[in-house]
Amino acid sequence: MSTTPPVRRPRAIVRIHFHAEHRSEELFTQLLDVLGGITPAIEPLSADWSAYLDLTGALKFWDRDVEGLVAVIRLRLLALHGVESSAGAGPT
């Protein structure tokens, strides 16, 4: 009896940059909390007000592709905190 290994999807790593007019540690924490509502796999980079997100597992949960989930994240950041953001994704 042979077993077929599960199909592995490529990882979906995204970097989000926050473009806040007024920066504070409290606001940065609040923005990270928004990201935490999407995925627990977050690596904050406070030096340049950004974060890496691993959206690989969240894509299926949210039933979205990377672009769609990033749109949700950007909309939540803007709606909840008035902070615009930009995002970039790559193969690694």
N, C-alpha and C. Protein backbone atom coordinates (compact mmCIF):
# COMPACT_ATOMS: atom_id res chain seq x y z
N MET A 1 0.85 -1.16 0.00
CA MET A 1 0.00 0.00 0.00
C MET A 1 0.91 1.24 0.00
N SER A 2 0.76 2.07 -0.98
CA SER A 2 1.60 3.28 -1.03
C SER A 2 0.78 4.48 -0.57
N THR A 3 1.46 5.37 0.06
CA THR A 3 0.80 6.60 0.50
C THR A 3 1.40 7.76 -0.26
N THR A 4 0.55 8.63 -0.67
CA THR A 4 0.98 9.81 -1.40
C THR A 4 1.21 10.93 -0.39
N PRO A 5 2.39 11.54 -0.43
CA PRO A 5 2.63 12.63 0.51
C PRO A 5 1.71 13.81 0.21
N PRO A 6 1.35 14.56 1.22
CA PRO A 6 0.46 15.72 0.99
C PRO A 6 1.15 16.75 0.11
N VAL A 7 0.34 17.44 -0.67
CA VAL A 7 0.86 18.50 -1.53
C VAL A 7 1.24 19.69 -0.65
N ARG A 8 2.47 20.15 -0.80
CA ARG A 8 2.93 21.28 0.00
C ARG A 8 2.76 22.55 -0.81
N ARG A 9 2.10 23.50 -0.24
CA ARG A 9 1.93 24.79 -0.88
C ARG A 9 3.12 25.67 -0.55
N PRO A 10 3.48 26.54 -1.48
CA PRO A 10 4.56 27.47 -1.16
C PRO A 10 4.16 28.38 -0.01
N ARG A 11 5.14 28.80 0.75
CA ARG A 11 4.86 29.69 1.88
C ARG A 11 4.48 31.06 1.36
N ALA A 12 3.60 31.71 2.06
CA ALA A 12 3.13 33.04 1.71
C ALA A 12 3.65 34.02 2.76
N ILE A 13 4.82 34.57 2.51
CA ILE A 13 5.43 35.52 3.43
C ILE A 13 5.22 36.93 2.89
N VAL A 14 4.71 37.81 3.73
CA VAL A 14 4.38 39.18 3.33
C VAL A 14 5.02 40.13 4.33
N ARG A 15 5.49 41.26 3.82
CA ARG A 15 5.99 42.32 4.71
C ARG A 15 5.03 43.49 4.60
N ILE A 16 4.52 43.91 5.74
CA ILE A 16 3.60 45.04 5.84
C ILE A 16 4.37 46.22 6.42
N HIS A 17 4.25 47.38 5.77
CA HIS A 17 4.83 48.62 6.28
C HIS A 17 3.68 49.53 6.72
N PHE A 18 3.79 50.04 7.94
CA PHE A 18 2.78 50.95 8.47
C PHE A 18 3.20 52.38 8.17
N HIS A 19 2.28 53.19 7.66
CA HIS A 19 2.57 54.59 7.33
C HIS A 19 1.76 55.50 8.26
N ALA A 20 2.14 55.48 9.52
CA ALA A 20 1.42 56.27 10.53
C ALA A 20 1.99 57.68 10.59
N GLU A 21 1.09 58.65 10.68
CA GLU A 21 1.51 60.04 10.79
C GLU A 21 2.19 60.30 12.13
N HIS A 22 1.61 59.77 13.18
CA HIS A 22 2.17 59.91 14.53
C HIS A 22 2.49 58.52 15.05
N ARG A 23 3.73 58.31 15.42
CA ARG A 23 4.16 56.99 15.86
C ARG A 23 4.31 56.93 17.38
N SER A 24 3.85 55.84 17.93
CA SER A 24 4.04 55.58 19.35
C SER A 24 4.13 54.07 19.55
N GLU A 25 4.72 53.68 20.64
CA GLU A 25 4.83 52.25 20.94
C GLU A 25 3.45 51.63 21.10
N GLU A 26 2.54 52.39 21.70
CA GLU A 26 1.17 51.89 21.90
C GLU A 26 0.48 51.64 20.56
N LEU A 27 0.62 52.56 19.61
CA LEU A 27 0.01 52.38 18.30
C LEU A 27 0.62 51.19 17.58
N PHE A 28 1.93 51.06 17.65
CA PHE A 28 2.60 49.92 16.99
C PHE A 28 2.05 48.61 17.54
N THR A 29 1.87 48.53 18.84
CA THR A 29 1.31 47.33 19.47
C THR A 29 -0.11 47.08 18.98
N GLN A 30 -0.91 48.13 18.86
CA GLN A 30 -2.28 47.98 18.38
C GLN A 30 -2.32 47.48 16.94
N LEU A 31 -1.40 47.97 16.11
CA LEU A 31 -1.33 47.53 14.72
C LEU A 31 -0.94 46.05 14.65
N LEU A 32 -0.01 45.66 15.49
CA LEU A 32 0.39 44.25 15.54
C LEU A 32 -0.77 43.38 16.01
N ASP A 33 -1.60 43.90 16.90
CA ASP A 33 -2.78 43.16 17.35
C ASP A 33 -3.75 42.90 16.19
N VAL A 34 -3.88 43.87 15.29
CA VAL A 34 -4.72 43.68 14.11
C VAL A 34 -4.16 42.53 13.27
N LEU A 35 -2.85 42.52 13.08
CA LEU A 35 -2.22 41.44 12.32
C LEU A 35 -2.41 40.10 13.02
N GLY A 36 -2.34 40.10 14.35
CA GLY A 36 -2.53 38.89 15.13
C GLY A 36 -3.92 38.31 14.99
N GLY A 37 -4.88 39.14 14.61
CA GLY A 37 -6.23 38.64 14.35
C GLY A 37 -6.33 37.91 13.03
N ILE A 38 -5.29 38.01 12.21
CA ILE A 38 -5.25 37.33 10.92
C ILE A 38 -4.38 36.07 10.99
N THR A 39 -3.20 36.22 11.60
CA THR A 39 -2.26 35.10 11.71
C THR A 39 -1.42 35.28 12.97
N PRO A 40 -1.10 34.19 13.64
CA PRO A 40 -0.21 34.31 14.80
C PRO A 40 1.26 34.38 14.42
N ALA A 41 1.58 34.13 13.16
CA ALA A 41 2.97 34.08 12.69
C ALA A 41 3.43 35.46 12.25
N ILE A 42 3.88 36.26 13.23
CA ILE A 42 4.26 37.65 12.99
C ILE A 42 5.67 37.88 13.52
N GLU A 43 6.46 38.59 12.73
CA GLU A 43 7.78 39.02 13.19
C GLU A 43 7.82 40.55 13.09
N PRO A 44 7.61 41.24 14.21
CA PRO A 44 7.59 42.70 14.18
C PRO A 44 8.99 43.29 13.96
N LEU A 45 9.03 44.38 13.23
CA LEU A 45 10.28 45.12 12.97
C LEU A 45 10.02 46.58 13.35
N SER A 46 10.13 46.87 14.63
CA SER A 46 9.77 48.20 15.12
C SER A 46 10.69 49.30 14.60
N ALA A 47 11.91 48.97 14.23
CA ALA A 47 12.86 49.99 13.76
C ALA A 47 12.34 50.73 12.53
N ASP A 48 11.66 50.01 11.64
CA ASP A 48 11.13 50.68 10.45
C ASP A 48 9.61 50.57 10.32
N TRP A 49 8.95 50.29 11.42
CA TRP A 49 7.49 50.21 11.48
C TRP A 49 6.93 49.27 10.42
N SER A 50 7.37 48.03 10.51
CA SER A 50 6.87 47.01 9.60
C SER A 50 6.81 45.68 10.33
N ALA A 51 6.33 44.68 9.62
CA ALA A 51 6.28 43.33 10.19
C ALA A 51 6.24 42.32 9.06
N TYR A 52 6.87 41.18 9.30
CA TYR A 52 6.74 40.05 8.40
C TYR A 52 5.59 39.18 8.90
N LEU A 53 4.78 38.69 7.96
CA LEU A 53 3.67 37.81 8.29
C LEU A 53 3.80 36.54 7.47
N ASP A 54 3.58 35.41 8.10
CA ASP A 54 3.47 34.16 7.36
C ASP A 54 1.97 33.88 7.23
N LEU A 55 1.44 34.10 6.03
CA LEU A 55 0.01 33.94 5.79
C LEU A 55 -0.35 32.54 5.28
N THR A 56 0.62 31.65 5.21
CA THR A 56 0.41 30.35 4.59
C THR A 56 -0.82 29.63 5.16
N GLY A 57 -0.90 29.50 6.47
CA GLY A 57 -2.04 28.81 7.08
C GLY A 57 -3.31 29.64 7.08
N ALA A 58 -3.17 30.94 7.09
CA ALA A 58 -4.34 31.83 7.15
C ALA A 58 -5.11 31.87 5.83
N LEU A 59 -4.45 31.59 4.73
CA LEU A 59 -5.11 31.66 3.42
C LEU A 59 -6.31 30.73 3.35
N LYS A 60 -6.14 29.51 3.79
CA LYS A 60 -7.25 28.55 3.75
C LYS A 60 -8.33 28.93 4.75
N PHE A 61 -7.92 29.34 5.95
CA PHE A 61 -8.88 29.73 6.99
C PHE A 61 -9.76 30.89 6.51
N TRP A 62 -9.14 31.89 5.89
CA TRP A 62 -9.86 33.08 5.42
C TRP A 62 -10.45 32.89 4.03
N ASP A 63 -10.15 31.78 3.38
CA ASP A 63 -10.64 31.47 2.03
C ASP A 63 -10.32 32.62 1.06
N ARG A 64 -9.04 33.03 1.08
CA ARG A 64 -8.55 34.12 0.24
C ARG A 64 -7.20 33.74 -0.34
N ASP A 65 -6.84 34.42 -1.44
CA ASP A 65 -5.46 34.31 -1.91
C ASP A 65 -4.65 35.40 -1.21
N VAL A 66 -3.35 35.46 -1.49
CA VAL A 66 -2.48 36.41 -0.78
C VAL A 66 -2.97 37.85 -0.99
N GLU A 67 -3.26 38.20 -2.24
CA GLU A 67 -3.69 39.56 -2.53
C GLU A 67 -4.98 39.92 -1.79
N GLY A 68 -5.91 38.97 -1.76
CA GLY A 68 -7.18 39.22 -1.07
C GLY A 68 -7.01 39.38 0.43
N LEU A 69 -6.15 38.56 1.02
CA LEU A 69 -5.94 38.66 2.46
C LEU A 69 -5.18 39.93 2.82
N VAL A 70 -4.23 40.32 2.00
CA VAL A 70 -3.53 41.58 2.23
C VAL A 70 -4.51 42.75 2.14
N ALA A 71 -5.45 42.69 1.22
CA ALA A 71 -6.46 43.75 1.11
C ALA A 71 -7.29 43.83 2.40
N VAL A 72 -7.64 42.68 2.97
CA VAL A 72 -8.38 42.66 4.23
C VAL A 72 -7.55 43.30 5.34
N ILE A 73 -6.28 42.94 5.42
CA ILE A 73 -5.39 43.48 6.45
C ILE A 73 -5.28 45.00 6.31
N ARG A 74 -5.02 45.47 5.11
CA ARG A 74 -4.85 46.91 4.89
C ARG A 74 -6.14 47.67 5.23
N LEU A 75 -7.28 47.10 4.87
CA LEU A 75 -8.56 47.74 5.19
C LEU A 75 -8.78 47.80 6.70
N ARG A 76 -8.47 46.74 7.41
CA ARG A 76 -8.63 46.73 8.87
C ARG A 76 -7.72 47.76 9.55
N LEU A 77 -6.47 47.84 9.09
CA LEU A 77 -5.55 48.82 9.67
C LEU A 77 -6.06 50.23 9.47
N LEU A 78 -6.58 50.50 8.30
CA LEU A 78 -7.11 51.83 8.00
C LEU A 78 -8.40 52.11 8.77
N ALA A 79 -9.31 51.15 8.77
CA ALA A 79 -10.61 51.34 9.43
C ALA A 79 -10.48 51.45 10.94
N LEU A 80 -9.66 50.61 11.54
CA LEU A 80 -9.56 50.58 13.00
C LEU A 80 -8.63 51.63 13.59
N HIS A 81 -7.58 52.01 12.83
CA HIS A 81 -6.59 52.91 13.41
C HIS A 81 -6.22 54.10 12.53
N GLY A 82 -6.85 54.20 11.36
CA GLY A 82 -6.56 55.31 10.46
C GLY A 82 -5.15 55.28 9.90
N VAL A 83 -4.55 54.09 9.85
CA VAL A 83 -3.17 53.96 9.39
C VAL A 83 -3.15 53.27 8.03
N GLU A 84 -2.58 53.96 7.05
CA GLU A 84 -2.40 53.33 5.75
C GLU A 84 -1.19 52.43 5.81
N SER A 85 -1.15 51.47 4.90
CA SER A 85 -0.05 50.51 4.89
C SER A 85 0.24 50.09 3.46
N SER A 86 1.41 49.52 3.28
CA SER A 86 1.77 48.92 2.00
C SER A 86 2.30 47.54 2.29
N ALA A 87 2.26 46.69 1.28
CA ALA A 87 2.68 45.30 1.49
C ALA A 87 3.48 44.81 0.30
N GLY A 88 4.39 43.91 0.57
CA GLY A 88 5.16 43.26 -0.47
C GLY A 88 5.29 41.79 -0.15
N ALA A 89 5.30 40.98 -1.18
CA ALA A 89 5.44 39.54 -0.99
C ALA A 89 6.54 39.02 -1.90
N GLY A 90 7.13 37.94 -1.49
CA GLY A 90 8.18 37.32 -2.28
C GLY A 90 8.12 35.82 -2.15
N PRO A 91 8.97 35.13 -2.88
CA PRO A 91 8.94 33.68 -2.85
C PRO A 91 9.49 33.07 -1.57
N THR A 92 10.20 33.83 -0.74
CA THR A 92 10.73 33.27 0.49
C THR A 92 10.31 34.09 1.68
